[in-house]
Amino acid sequence: MVKCSILRLCTACVIGLMAFSAQAQDVDPVDSTGLPGDHFSLEGAVELFKKAESPEAFEKSLNSENNDVNNLDLNEDGEIDYIRVIDNVEGDVHAIVLQAVISESESQDVAVIEIEKDGEESAVLQIVGDEDLYGEQLLVEPFAEEGKKGGKGGPSVDYDANARIVVNVWLWPGVRFIYGPRYVVWVSPWRWRYYPTWFRPWRPHPWRVFHVRVRPFHRHYHVVTTHRVVRAHAVYAPRRTSSKVVHTRTTTVVAAKGKNGKVVAGKRTTTTTTVKGKNGGKVTKERTTTKVGAKGKDGGKVGASRTKTKTTRKRGGG
């Protein structure tokens, strides 16, 4: 009798754990936004930069499938886009651009790693995801846990006005390299259909697969709202490269967070029609349809559609 009771209790515990695990997988707080940025890990890029000995080595690691950072196919040709690295330097600031090559005539900035020296042996770093991929500029930076700030061999840390720990990246090998006296500014020589011999493009993975693989990178990096590396960003801003293919696609996916914290995603389609009126003038009708969807309490999708029509008339000549 006692054995049967214990067996039933163990079985109930196992079933409960399985149900909790399944529920945890279904309720994912970091859901897909539907934007291209879902397929490039900013946190992973900083982790690769932290380990790289130089910008050239960093570029190679970005374009290696087994590093699980780049899953972009912006030109939708079924192959991963090559990411080239371009360093823009002014004085003691660096704006290291990560740029996708998507055609013979167009490239698209994915992100920029901004670095500034703020002391003799001190430097700060942020990576900024491009608004064309992430919907708005997305800032990510390394952080250190307070309890580990005295760890042997770890990064030194300082506190900002909001009591956040700011990591000193001066000891990262790649940072020391670009501030070295013999550093020759790295500008990737590769371009469309002209890639290094080691590069083997692969087919992009489904988002659900890619998302799981990049989760470990989130442990040491977090999204912030304070743009603390301002001088480097000023160096980068006038050099930003945007692709018309990426920016002006027929259907634009827009993502934002609602008041309840849920991801709200929508699709906006604009159709323009021009016809001749009876008097010989032209009538231009612009029809914009916006579909908005959100997750309801039961996990289902709640949607709404809004259509806006704008008509412009132009008189005929003569």
C-alpha atoms as a PDB file:
ATOM      1  CA  MET A   1       0.000   0.000   0.000  1.00  0.00           C
ATOM      2  CA  VAL A   2       2.812   2.365   0.952  1.00  0.00           C
ATOM      3  CA  LYS A   3       4.741   1.496  -2.203  1.00  0.00           C
ATOM      4  CA  CYS A   4       1.676   2.247  -4.340  1.00  0.00           C
ATOM      5  CA  SER A   5       1.230   5.633  -2.660  1.00  0.00           C
ATOM      6  CA  ILE A   6       4.877   6.545  -3.225  1.00  0.00           C
ATOM      7  CA  LEU A   7       4.670   5.438  -6.850  1.00  0.00           C
ATOM      8  CA  ARG A   8       1.558   7.564  -7.428  1.00  0.00           C
ATOM      9  CA  LEU A   9       3.216  10.562  -5.793  1.00  0.00           C
ATOM     10  CA  CYS A  10       6.337  10.236  -7.964  1.00  0.00           C
ATOM     11  CA  THR A  11       4.204   9.875 -11.090  1.00  0.00           C
ATOM     12  CA  ALA A  12       2.254  13.017 -10.203  1.00  0.00           C
ATOM     13  CA  CYS A  13       5.481  14.944  -9.627  1.00  0.00           C
ATOM     14  CA  VAL A  14       6.891  13.875 -12.990  1.00  0.00           C
ATOM     15  CA  ILE A  15       3.665  14.841 -14.794  1.00  0.00           C
ATOM     16  CA  GLY A  16       3.667  18.200 -13.009  1.00  0.00           C
ATOM     17  CA  LEU A  17       7.249  18.936 -14.008  1.00  0.00           C
ATOM     18  CA  MET A  18       6.511  17.996 -17.620  1.00  0.00           C
ATOM     19  CA  ALA A  19       3.476  20.289 -17.677  1.00  0.00           C
ATOM     20  CA  PHE A  20       5.459  23.161 -16.169  1.00  0.00           C
ATOM     21  CA  SER A  21       8.242  22.659 -18.727  1.00  0.00           C
ATOM     22  CA  ALA A  22       5.782  22.659 -21.618  1.00  0.00           C
ATOM     23  CA  GLN A  23       4.088  25.797 -20.275  1.00  0.00           C
ATOM     24  CA  ALA A  24       7.462  27.543 -19.928  1.00  0.00           C
ATOM     25  CA  GLN A  25       8.212  26.786 -23.581  1.00  0.00           C
ATOM     26  CA  ASP A  26       4.820  28.030 -24.758  1.00  0.00           C
ATOM     27  CA  VAL A  27       5.008  31.301 -22.810  1.00  0.00           C
ATOM     28  CA  ASP A  28       8.156  32.806 -24.276  1.00  0.00           C
ATOM     29  CA  PRO A  29       8.701  36.398 -23.051  1.00  0.00           C
ATOM     30  CA  VAL A  30      11.054  37.114 -25.922  1.00  0.00           C
ATOM     31  CA  ASP A  31       8.902  36.313 -28.914  1.00  0.00           C
ATOM     32  CA  SER A  32       9.659  36.947 -32.571  1.00  0.00           C
ATOM     33  CA  THR A  33       8.959  40.495 -33.719  1.00  0.00           C
ATOM     34  CA  GLY A  34       8.882  39.538 -37.401  1.00  0.00           C
ATOM     35  CA  LEU A  35      11.683  42.036 -38.073  1.00  0.00           C
ATOM     36  CA  PRO A  36      14.986  41.103 -39.766  1.00  0.00           C
ATOM     37  CA  GLY A  37      16.839  41.781 -36.510  1.00  0.00           C
ATOM     38  CA  ASP A  38      15.366  38.583 -35.075  1.00  0.00           C
ATOM     39  CA  HIS A  39      17.981  36.795 -37.152  1.00  0.00           C
ATOM     40  CA  PHE A  40      21.097  38.526 -35.878  1.00  0.00           C
ATOM     41  CA  SER A  41      22.262  38.321 -32.281  1.00  0.00           C
ATOM     42  CA  LEU A  42      23.718  41.616 -31.063  1.00  0.00           C
ATOM     43  CA  GLU A  43      24.728  39.938 -27.803  1.00  0.00           C
ATOM     44  CA  GLY A  44      26.448  37.160 -29.728  1.00  0.00           C
ATOM     45  CA  ALA A  45      28.295  39.671 -31.902  1.00  0.00           C
ATOM     46  CA  VAL A  46      29.747  41.400 -28.829  1.00  0.00           C
ATOM     47  CA  GLU A  47      30.766  38.022 -27.389  1.00  0.00           C
ATOM     48  CA  LEU A  48      32.633  37.183 -30.613  1.00  0.00           C
ATOM     49  CA  PHE A  49      34.292  40.609 -30.590  1.00  0.00           C
ATOM     50  CA  LYS A  50      35.351  40.057 -26.983  1.00  0.00           C
ATOM     51  CA  LYS A  51      37.182  36.870 -27.970  1.00  0.00           C
ATOM     52  CA  ALA A  52      38.619  38.061 -31.305  1.00  0.00           C
ATOM     53  CA  GLU A  53      42.250  39.151 -31.554  1.00  0.00           C
ATOM     54  CA  SER A  54      41.540  41.695 -34.315  1.00  0.00           C
ATOM     55  CA  PRO A  55      38.719  43.128 -36.465  1.00  0.00           C
ATOM     56  CA  GLU A  56      39.734  40.748 -39.257  1.00  0.00           C
ATOM     57  CA  ALA A  57      39.418  37.730 -36.969  1.00  0.00           C
ATOM     58  CA  PHE A  58      36.116  39.127 -35.722  1.00  0.00           C
ATOM     59  CA  GLU A  59      34.792  39.296 -39.301  1.00  0.00           C
ATOM     60  CA  LYS A  60      35.705  35.663 -39.872  1.00  0.00           C
ATOM     61  CA  SER A  61      33.929  34.542 -36.712  1.00  0.00           C
ATOM     62  CA  LEU A  62      30.767  36.478 -37.664  1.00  0.00           C
ATOM     63  CA  ASN A  63      30.595  34.566 -40.933  1.00  0.00           C
ATOM     64  CA  SER A  64      31.062  31.100 -39.451  1.00  0.00           C
ATOM     65  CA  GLU A  65      27.892  29.031 -39.166  1.00  0.00           C
ATOM     66  CA  ASN A  66      28.878  27.232 -35.979  1.00  0.00           C
ATOM     67  CA  ASN A  67      29.070  30.509 -34.023  1.00  0.00           C
ATOM     68  CA  ASP A  68      25.274  30.972 -34.233  1.00  0.00           C
ATOM     69  CA  VAL A  69      25.260  34.774 -34.505  1.00  0.00           C
ATOM     70  CA  ASN A  70      24.339  35.574 -38.109  1.00  0.00           C
ATOM     71  CA  ASN A  71      21.145  34.146 -39.587  1.00  0.00           C
ATOM     72  CA  LEU A  72      20.362  37.049 -41.954  1.00  0.00           C
ATOM     73  CA  ASP A  73      19.073  36.686 -45.497  1.00  0.00           C
ATOM     74  CA  LEU A  74      18.085  40.273 -46.274  1.00  0.00           C
ATOM     75  CA  ASN A  75      17.978  39.817 -50.039  1.00  0.00           C
ATOM     76  CA  GLU A  76      15.953  36.600 -49.662  1.00  0.00           C
ATOM     77  CA  ASP A  77      18.107  34.545 -52.003  1.00  0.00           C
ATOM     78  CA  GLY A  78      18.080  31.533 -49.700  1.00  0.00           C
ATOM     79  CA  GLU A  79      21.652  32.040 -48.483  1.00  0.00           C
ATOM     80  CA  ILE A  80      23.129  33.785 -45.452  1.00  0.00           C
ATOM     81  CA  ASP A  81      24.381  37.317 -46.142  1.00  0.00           C
ATOM     82  CA  TYR A  82      28.111  37.945 -45.733  1.00  0.00           C
ATOM     83  CA  ILE A  83      28.847  40.442 -42.944  1.00  0.00           C
ATOM     84  CA  ARG A  84      31.844  42.686 -43.500  1.00  0.00           C
ATOM     85  CA  VAL A  85      33.519  44.748 -40.806  1.00  0.00           C
ATOM     86  CA  ILE A  86      34.521  48.383 -41.330  1.00  0.00           C
ATOM     87  CA  ASP A  87      36.280  50.433 -38.652  1.00  0.00           C
ATOM     88  CA  ASN A  88      35.760  54.205 -38.629  1.00  0.00           C
ATOM     89  CA  VAL A  89      38.303  55.973 -36.433  1.00  0.00           C
ATOM     90  CA  GLU A  90      38.562  59.520 -35.163  1.00  0.00           C
ATOM     91  CA  GLY A  91      41.040  60.179 -32.365  1.00  0.00           C
ATOM     92  CA  ASP A  92      40.433  57.680 -29.561  1.00  0.00           C
ATOM     93  CA  VAL A  93      36.970  56.579 -30.690  1.00  0.00           C
ATOM     94  CA  HIS A  94      36.065  53.666 -32.950  1.00  0.00           C
ATOM     95  CA  ALA A  95      32.801  52.981 -34.763  1.00  0.00           C
ATOM     96  CA  ILE A  96      33.103  49.406 -36.046  1.00  0.00           C
ATOM     97  CA  VAL A  97      30.337  48.780 -38.580  1.00  0.00           C
ATOM     98  CA  LEU A  98      28.872  45.346 -39.230  1.00  0.00           C
ATOM     99  CA  GLN A  99      27.508  45.551 -42.767  1.00  0.00           C
ATOM    100  CA  ALA A 100      25.575  42.985 -44.809  1.00  0.00           C
ATOM    101  CA  VAL A 101      26.397  42.689 -48.506  1.00  0.00           C
ATOM    102  CA  ILE A 102      23.064  42.101 -50.241  1.00  0.00           C
ATOM    103  CA  SER A 103      23.658  42.939 -53.913  1.00  0.00           C
ATOM    104  CA  GLU A 104      26.209  44.324 -56.319  1.00  0.00           C
ATOM    105  CA  SER A 105      25.013  47.863 -55.663  1.00  0.00           C
ATOM    106  CA  GLU A 106      23.609  47.768 -52.124  1.00  0.00           C
ATOM    107  CA  SER A 107      24.719  47.046 -48.587  1.00  0.00           C
ATOM    108  CA  GLN A 108      22.886  47.382 -45.284  1.00  0.00           C
ATOM    109  CA  ASP A 109      24.330  48.244 -41.896  1.00  0.00           C
ATOM    110  CA  VAL A 110      23.321  45.611 -39.372  1.00  0.00           C
ATOM    111  CA  ALA A 111      24.891  47.185 -36.295  1.00  0.00           C
ATOM    112  CA  VAL A 112      27.792  49.305 -35.122  1.00  0.00           C
ATOM    113  CA  ILE A 113      30.112  48.595 -32.205  1.00  0.00           C
ATOM    114  CA  GLU A 114      30.980  51.927 -30.615  1.00  0.00           C
ATOM    115  CA  ILE A 115      34.063  52.199 -28.404  1.00  0.00           C
ATOM    116  CA  GLU A 116      35.552  55.142 -26.512  1.00  0.00           C
ATOM    117  CA  LYS A 117      38.509  55.499 -24.194  1.00  0.00           C
ATOM    118  CA  ASP A 118      37.461  57.173 -20.974  1.00  0.00           C
ATOM    119  CA  GLY A 119      40.768  56.791 -19.143  1.00  0.00           C
ATOM    120  CA  GLU A 120      44.398  55.792 -19.561  1.00  0.00           C
ATOM    121  CA  GLU A 121      43.483  52.107 -19.272  1.00  0.00           C
ATOM    122  CA  SER A 122      39.738  52.280 -19.531  1.00  0.00           C
ATOM    123  CA  ALA A 123      37.250  51.980 -22.405  1.00  0.00           C
ATOM    124  CA  VAL A 124      33.498  51.572 -22.755  1.00  0.00           C
ATOM    125  CA  LEU A 125      31.586  49.738 -25.473  1.00  0.00           C
ATOM    126  CA  GLN A 126      28.054  49.481 -26.806  1.00  0.00           C
ATOM    127  CA  ILE A 127      26.599  47.821 -29.876  1.00  0.00           C
ATOM    128  CA  VAL A 128      23.721  49.565 -31.648  1.00  0.00           C
ATOM    129  CA  GLY A 129      21.363  47.560 -33.860  1.00  0.00           C
ATOM    130  CA  ASP A 130      20.248  49.414 -36.990  1.00  0.00           C
ATOM    131  CA  GLU A 131      16.693  50.733 -37.072  1.00  0.00           C
ATOM    132  CA  ASP A 132      16.019  49.151 -40.467  1.00  0.00           C
ATOM    133  CA  LEU A 133      16.489  45.724 -38.887  1.00  0.00           C
ATOM    134  CA  TYR A 134      15.234  46.261 -35.346  1.00  0.00           C
ATOM    135  CA  GLY A 135      12.477  48.832 -35.886  1.00  0.00           C
ATOM    136  CA  GLU A 136      14.409  51.367 -33.839  1.00  0.00           C
ATOM    137  CA  GLN A 137      17.967  51.669 -32.620  1.00  0.00           C
ATOM    138  CA  LEU A 138      18.591  48.823 -30.190  1.00  0.00           C
ATOM    139  CA  LEU A 139      21.397  49.338 -27.666  1.00  0.00           C
ATOM    140  CA  VAL A 140      23.151  46.411 -26.009  1.00  0.00           C
ATOM    141  CA  GLU A 141      26.145  46.473 -23.678  1.00  0.00           C
ATOM    142  CA  PRO A 142      28.101  44.041 -21.504  1.00  0.00           C
ATOM    143  CA  PHE A 143      27.389  43.964 -17.783  1.00  0.00           C
ATOM    144  CA  ALA A 144      29.008  42.429 -14.730  1.00  0.00           C
ATOM    145  CA  GLU A 145      27.276  41.091 -11.667  1.00  0.00           C
ATOM    146  CA  GLU A 146      28.088  42.994  -8.500  1.00  0.00           C
ATOM    147  CA  GLY A 147      29.149  39.869  -6.660  1.00  0.00           C
ATOM    148  CA  LYS A 148      31.727  39.036  -9.329  1.00  0.00           C
ATOM    149  CA  LYS A 149      33.388  42.413  -9.728  1.00  0.00           C
ATOM    150  CA  GLY A 150      36.430  41.312  -7.740  1.00  0.00           C
ATOM    151  CA  GLY A 151      36.920  38.051  -9.637  1.00  0.00           C
ATOM    152  CA  LYS A 152      40.386  37.125 -10.770  1.00  0.00           C
ATOM    153  CA  GLY A 153      41.017  37.960 -14.414  1.00  0.00           C
ATOM    154  CA  GLY A 154      37.553  39.444 -14.925  1.00  0.00           C
ATOM    155  CA  PRO A 155      36.757  42.907 -16.328  1.00  0.00           C
ATOM    156  CA  SER A 156      37.069  45.871 -14.039  1.00  0.00           C
ATOM    157  CA  VAL A 157      33.843  47.737 -13.406  1.00  0.00           C
ATOM    158  CA  ASP A 158      32.577  51.160 -12.465  1.00  0.00           C
ATOM    159  CA  TYR A 159      29.155  52.421 -11.416  1.00  0.00           C
ATOM    160  CA  ASP A 160      27.228  55.061 -13.287  1.00  0.00           C
ATOM    161  CA  ALA A 161      24.768  57.560 -11.759  1.00  0.00           C
ATOM    162  CA  ASN A 162      21.973  54.977 -11.911  1.00  0.00           C
ATOM    163  CA  ALA A 163      24.052  52.398  -9.989  1.00  0.00           C
ATOM    164  CA  ARG A 164      24.475  50.223 -13.072  1.00  0.00           C
ATOM    165  CA  ILE A 165      27.761  48.427 -13.503  1.00  0.00           C
ATOM    166  CA  VAL A 166      29.662  49.623 -16.571  1.00  0.00           C
ATOM    167  CA  VAL A 167      32.214  47.135 -17.850  1.00  0.00           C
ATOM    168  CA  ASN A 168      35.720  48.323 -18.670  1.00  0.00           C
ATOM    169  CA  VAL A 169      36.574  46.520 -21.935  1.00  0.00           C
ATOM    170  CA  TRP A 170      40.168  47.739 -22.092  1.00  0.00           C
ATOM    171  CA  LEU A 171      41.569  44.251 -21.435  1.00  0.00           C
ATOM    172  CA  TRP A 172      39.666  42.641 -24.296  1.00  0.00           C
ATOM    173  CA  PRO A 173      42.310  41.551 -26.843  1.00  0.00           C
ATOM    174  CA  GLY A 174      40.513  43.156 -29.796  1.00  0.00           C
ATOM    175  CA  VAL A 175      40.223  46.476 -27.968  1.00  0.00           C
ATOM    176  CA  ARG A 176      43.917  46.481 -27.053  1.00  0.00           C
ATOM    177  CA  PHE A 177      44.698  45.637 -30.691  1.00  0.00           C
ATOM    178  CA  ILE A 178      42.805  48.579 -32.245  1.00  0.00           C
ATOM    179  CA  TYR A 179      44.406  51.004 -29.775  1.00  0.00           C
ATOM    180  CA  GLY A 180      47.882  49.625 -30.430  1.00  0.00           C
ATOM    181  CA  PRO A 181      50.525  51.793 -32.165  1.00  0.00           C
ATOM    182  CA  ARG A 182      50.852  49.393 -35.116  1.00  0.00           C
ATOM    183  CA  TYR A 183      47.161  49.060 -35.858  1.00  0.00           C
ATOM    184  CA  VAL A 184      46.199  49.642 -39.496  1.00  0.00           C
ATOM    185  CA  VAL A 185      42.524  50.595 -39.673  1.00  0.00           C
ATOM    186  CA  TRP A 186      40.536  47.585 -40.872  1.00  0.00           C
ATOM    187  CA  VAL A 187      38.204  48.070 -43.824  1.00  0.00           C
ATOM    188  CA  SER A 188      36.952  44.761 -45.158  1.00  0.00           C
ATOM    189  CA  PRO A 189      38.078  44.217 -48.782  1.00  0.00           C
ATOM    190  CA  TRP A 190      35.234  41.813 -49.578  1.00  0.00           C
ATOM    191  CA  ARG A 191      32.175  42.666 -51.644  1.00  0.00           C
ATOM    192  CA  TRP A 192      29.231  41.084 -53.479  1.00  0.00           C
ATOM    193  CA  ARG A 193      30.208  37.711 -54.977  1.00  0.00           C
ATOM    194  CA  TYR A 194      33.825  38.316 -53.998  1.00  0.00           C
ATOM    195  CA  TYR A 195      34.356  36.576 -50.682  1.00  0.00           C
ATOM    196  CA  PRO A 196      37.245  34.917 -48.845  1.00  0.00           C
ATOM    197  CA  THR A 197      37.925  31.291 -49.794  1.00  0.00           C
ATOM    198  CA  TRP A 198      36.930  30.021 -46.335  1.00  0.00           C
ATOM    199  CA  PHE A 199      33.401  31.459 -46.543  1.00  0.00           C
ATOM    200  CA  ARG A 200      30.719  28.877 -47.244  1.00  0.00           C
ATOM    201  CA  PRO A 201      27.220  30.436 -47.193  1.00  0.00           C
ATOM    202  CA  TRP A 202      24.553  28.287 -45.586  1.00  0.00           C
ATOM    203  CA  ARG A 203      20.787  28.298 -45.658  1.00  0.00           C
ATOM    204  CA  PRO A 204      19.168  30.342 -42.865  1.00  0.00           C
ATOM    205  CA  HIS A 205      17.710  28.399 -39.959  1.00  0.00           C
ATOM    206  CA  PRO A 206      14.073  28.778 -38.860  1.00  0.00           C
ATOM    207  CA  TRP A 207      13.645  31.460 -36.210  1.00  0.00           C
ATOM    208  CA  ARG A 208      12.572  28.970 -33.542  1.00  0.00           C
ATOM    209  CA  VAL A 209      15.825  27.060 -34.005  1.00  0.00           C
ATOM    210  CA  PHE A 210      18.049  30.132 -34.182  1.00  0.00           C
ATOM    211  CA  HIS A 211      16.390  31.784 -31.166  1.00  0.00           C
ATOM    212  CA  VAL A 212      17.225  28.840 -28.915  1.00  0.00           C
ATOM    213  CA  ARG A 213      20.850  28.819 -30.031  1.00  0.00           C
ATOM    214  CA  VAL A 214      21.481  32.491 -29.194  1.00  0.00           C
ATOM    215  CA  ARG A 215      19.904  32.422 -25.727  1.00  0.00           C
ATOM    216  CA  PRO A 216      23.219  31.702 -23.912  1.00  0.00           C
ATOM    217  CA  PHE A 217      24.617  35.052 -25.154  1.00  0.00           C
ATOM    218  CA  HIS A 218      21.998  36.946 -23.113  1.00  0.00           C
ATOM    219  CA  ARG A 219      23.614  36.007 -19.807  1.00  0.00           C
ATOM    220  CA  HIS A 220      26.363  38.615 -20.023  1.00  0.00           C
ATOM    221  CA  TYR A 221      24.769  41.354 -22.142  1.00  0.00           C
ATOM    222  CA  HIS A 222      21.589  43.352 -21.748  1.00  0.00           C
ATOM    223  CA  VAL A 223      19.486  45.892 -23.630  1.00  0.00           C
ATOM    224  CA  VAL A 224      19.756  49.467 -22.324  1.00  0.00           C
ATOM    225  CA  THR A 225      18.168  52.802 -23.144  1.00  0.00           C
ATOM    226  CA  THR A 226      21.098  55.080 -22.307  1.00  0.00           C
ATOM    227  CA  HIS A 227      23.399  55.925 -25.212  1.00  0.00           C
ATOM    228  CA  ARG A 228      26.622  56.391 -23.272  1.00  0.00           C
ATOM    229  CA  VAL A 229      29.151  56.136 -26.151  1.00  0.00           C
ATOM    230  CA  VAL A 230      28.109  59.397 -27.760  1.00  0.00           C
ATOM    231  CA  ARG A 231      31.321  60.514 -29.470  1.00  0.00           C
ATOM    232  CA  ALA A 232      31.683  57.252 -31.372  1.00  0.00           C
ATOM    233  CA  HIS A 233      28.056  57.445 -32.449  1.00  0.00           C
ATOM    234  CA  ALA A 234      28.652  60.944 -33.810  1.00  0.00           C
ATOM    235  CA  VAL A 235      31.476  59.492 -35.911  1.00  0.00           C
ATOM    236  CA  TYR A 236      29.229  56.752 -37.252  1.00  0.00           C
ATOM    237  CA  ALA A 237      25.976  58.644 -37.912  1.00  0.00           C
ATOM    238  CA  PRO A 238      26.972  60.452 -41.142  1.00  0.00           C
ATOM    239  CA  ARG A 239      28.475  57.221 -42.508  1.00  0.00           C
ATOM    240  CA  ARG A 240      25.432  55.000 -41.988  1.00  0.00           C
ATOM    241  CA  THR A 241      24.497  52.851 -44.993  1.00  0.00           C
ATOM    242  CA  SER A 242      20.910  51.806 -45.649  1.00  0.00           C
ATOM    243  CA  SER A 243      19.546  49.630 -48.439  1.00  0.00           C
ATOM    244  CA  LYS A 244      16.389  50.582 -50.324  1.00  0.00           C
ATOM    245  CA  VAL A 245      15.622  46.880 -50.710  1.00  0.00           C
ATOM    246  CA  VAL A 246      15.491  46.478 -46.946  1.00  0.00           C
ATOM    247  CA  HIS A 247      13.912  49.849 -46.150  1.00  0.00           C
ATOM    248  CA  THR A 248      11.164  50.067 -48.761  1.00  0.00           C
ATOM    249  CA  ARG A 249       9.800  46.579 -49.198  1.00  0.00           C
ATOM    250  CA  THR A 250       6.148  46.453 -50.247  1.00  0.00           C
ATOM    251  CA  THR A 251       5.090  45.011 -46.914  1.00  0.00           C
ATOM    252  CA  THR A 252       6.685  46.537 -43.841  1.00  0.00           C
ATOM    253  CA  VAL A 253       6.559  44.605 -40.624  1.00  0.00           C
ATOM    254  CA  VAL A 254       6.153  46.878 -37.652  1.00  0.00           C
ATOM    255  CA  ALA A 255       6.585  45.662 -34.085  1.00  0.00           C
ATOM    256  CA  ALA A 256       5.958  47.400 -30.793  1.00  0.00           C
ATOM    257  CA  LYS A 257       5.123  46.435 -27.241  1.00  0.00           C
ATOM    258  CA  GLY A 258       1.644  47.110 -25.915  1.00  0.00           C
ATOM    259  CA  LYS A 259       0.770  48.302 -22.418  1.00  0.00           C
ATOM    260  CA  ASN A 260       0.599  44.724 -21.162  1.00  0.00           C
ATOM    261  CA  GLY A 261       4.125  44.021 -22.380  1.00  0.00           C
ATOM    262  CA  LYS A 262       2.958  41.665 -25.117  1.00  0.00           C
ATOM    263  CA  VAL A 263       4.419  41.911 -28.586  1.00  0.00           C
ATOM    264  CA  VAL A 264       2.074  43.607 -31.029  1.00  0.00           C
ATOM    265  CA  ALA A 265       2.960  43.009 -34.665  1.00  0.00           C
ATOM    266  CA  GLY A 266       1.400  44.533 -37.734  1.00  0.00           C
ATOM    267  CA  LYS A 267       1.713  44.632 -41.487  1.00  0.00           C
ATOM    268  CA  ARG A 268       1.235  47.809 -43.484  1.00  0.00           C
ATOM    269  CA  THR A 269       0.625  47.673 -47.226  1.00  0.00           C
ATOM    270  CA  THR A 270       0.315  50.762 -49.420  1.00  0.00           C
ATOM    271  CA  THR A 271      -1.171  50.644 -52.934  1.00  0.00           C
ATOM    272  CA  THR A 272      -1.146  53.674 -55.237  1.00  0.00           C
ATOM    273  CA  THR A 273      -3.410  53.857 -58.310  1.00  0.00           C
ATOM    274  CA  THR A 274      -3.496  56.671 -60.913  1.00  0.00           C
ATOM    275  CA  VAL A 275      -6.304  56.979 -63.481  1.00  0.00           C
ATOM    276  CA  LYS A 276      -7.587  59.655 -65.885  1.00  0.00           C
ATOM    277  CA  GLY A 277     -10.751  61.498 -64.980  1.00  0.00           C
ATOM    278  CA  LYS A 278     -13.515  62.481 -67.416  1.00  0.00           C
ATOM    279  CA  ASN A 279     -12.123  66.005 -67.747  1.00  0.00           C
ATOM    280  CA  GLY A 280      -8.672  64.727 -68.684  1.00  0.00           C
ATOM    281  CA  GLY A 281      -7.238  65.331 -65.220  1.00  0.00           C
ATOM    282  CA  LYS A 282      -5.482  62.682 -63.134  1.00  0.00           C
ATOM    283  CA  VAL A 283      -6.899  61.075 -60.023  1.00  0.00           C
ATOM    284  CA  THR A 284      -4.390  59.410 -57.675  1.00  0.00           C
ATOM    285  CA  LYS A 285      -5.769  57.110 -55.008  1.00  0.00           C
ATOM    286  CA  GLU A 286      -3.501  55.859 -52.244  1.00  0.00           C
ATOM    287  CA  ARG A 287      -4.889  53.009 -50.162  1.00  0.00           C
ATOM    288  CA  THR A 288      -3.072  51.991 -46.974  1.00  0.00           C
ATOM    289  CA  THR A 289      -4.130  48.882 -45.063  1.00  0.00           C
ATOM    290  CA  THR A 290      -2.673  48.194 -41.634  1.00  0.00           C
ATOM    291  CA  LYS A 291      -3.259  44.852 -39.948  1.00  0.00           C
ATOM    292  CA  VAL A 292      -2.436  44.667 -36.271  1.00  0.00           C
ATOM    293  CA  GLY A 293      -2.243  41.449 -34.292  1.00  0.00           C
ATOM    294  CA  ALA A 294      -1.562  40.670 -30.654  1.00  0.00           C
ATOM    295  CA  LYS A 295      -1.629  37.641 -28.421  1.00  0.00           C
ATOM    296  CA  GLY A 296      -4.765  37.305 -26.364  1.00  0.00           C
ATOM    297  CA  LYS A 297      -5.082  35.889 -22.857  1.00  0.00           C
ATOM    298  CA  ASP A 298      -5.807  32.423 -24.203  1.00  0.00           C
ATOM    299  CA  GLY A 299      -2.725  32.482 -26.433  1.00  0.00           C
ATOM    300  CA  GLY A 300      -4.748  33.065 -29.568  1.00  0.00           C
ATOM    301  CA  LYS A 301      -4.212  35.985 -31.905  1.00  0.00           C
ATOM    302  CA  VAL A 302      -6.404  39.041 -31.691  1.00  0.00           C
ATOM    303  CA  GLY A 303      -6.353  41.094 -34.856  1.00  0.00           C
ATOM    304  CA  ALA A 304      -7.688  44.321 -36.282  1.00  0.00           C
ATOM    305  CA  SER A 305      -7.541  45.867 -39.707  1.00  0.00           C
ATOM    306  CA  ARG A 306      -7.502  49.572 -40.514  1.00  0.00           C
ATOM    307  CA  THR A 307      -7.767  50.960 -44.044  1.00  0.00           C
ATOM    308  CA  LYS A 308      -7.017  54.559 -44.973  1.00  0.00           C
ATOM    309  CA  THR A 309      -7.704  55.931 -48.443  1.00  0.00           C
ATOM    310  CA  LYS A 310      -6.279  59.202 -49.756  1.00  0.00           C
ATOM    311  CA  THR A 311      -7.442  60.658 -53.059  1.00  0.00           C
ATOM    312  CA  THR A 312      -5.622  63.443 -54.929  1.00  0.00           C
ATOM    313  CA  ARG A 313      -7.022  65.137 -58.026  1.00  0.00           C
ATOM    314  CA  LYS A 314      -4.966  67.018 -60.591  1.00  0.00           C
ATOM    315  CA  ARG A 315      -6.616  69.127 -63.301  1.00  0.00           C
ATOM    316  CA  GLY A 316      -5.714  68.431 -66.882  1.00  0.00           C
ATOM    317  CA  GLY A 317      -3.790  70.959 -68.941  1.00  0.00           C
ATOM    318  CA  GLY A 318      -5.414  72.948 -71.776  1.00  0.00           C
END
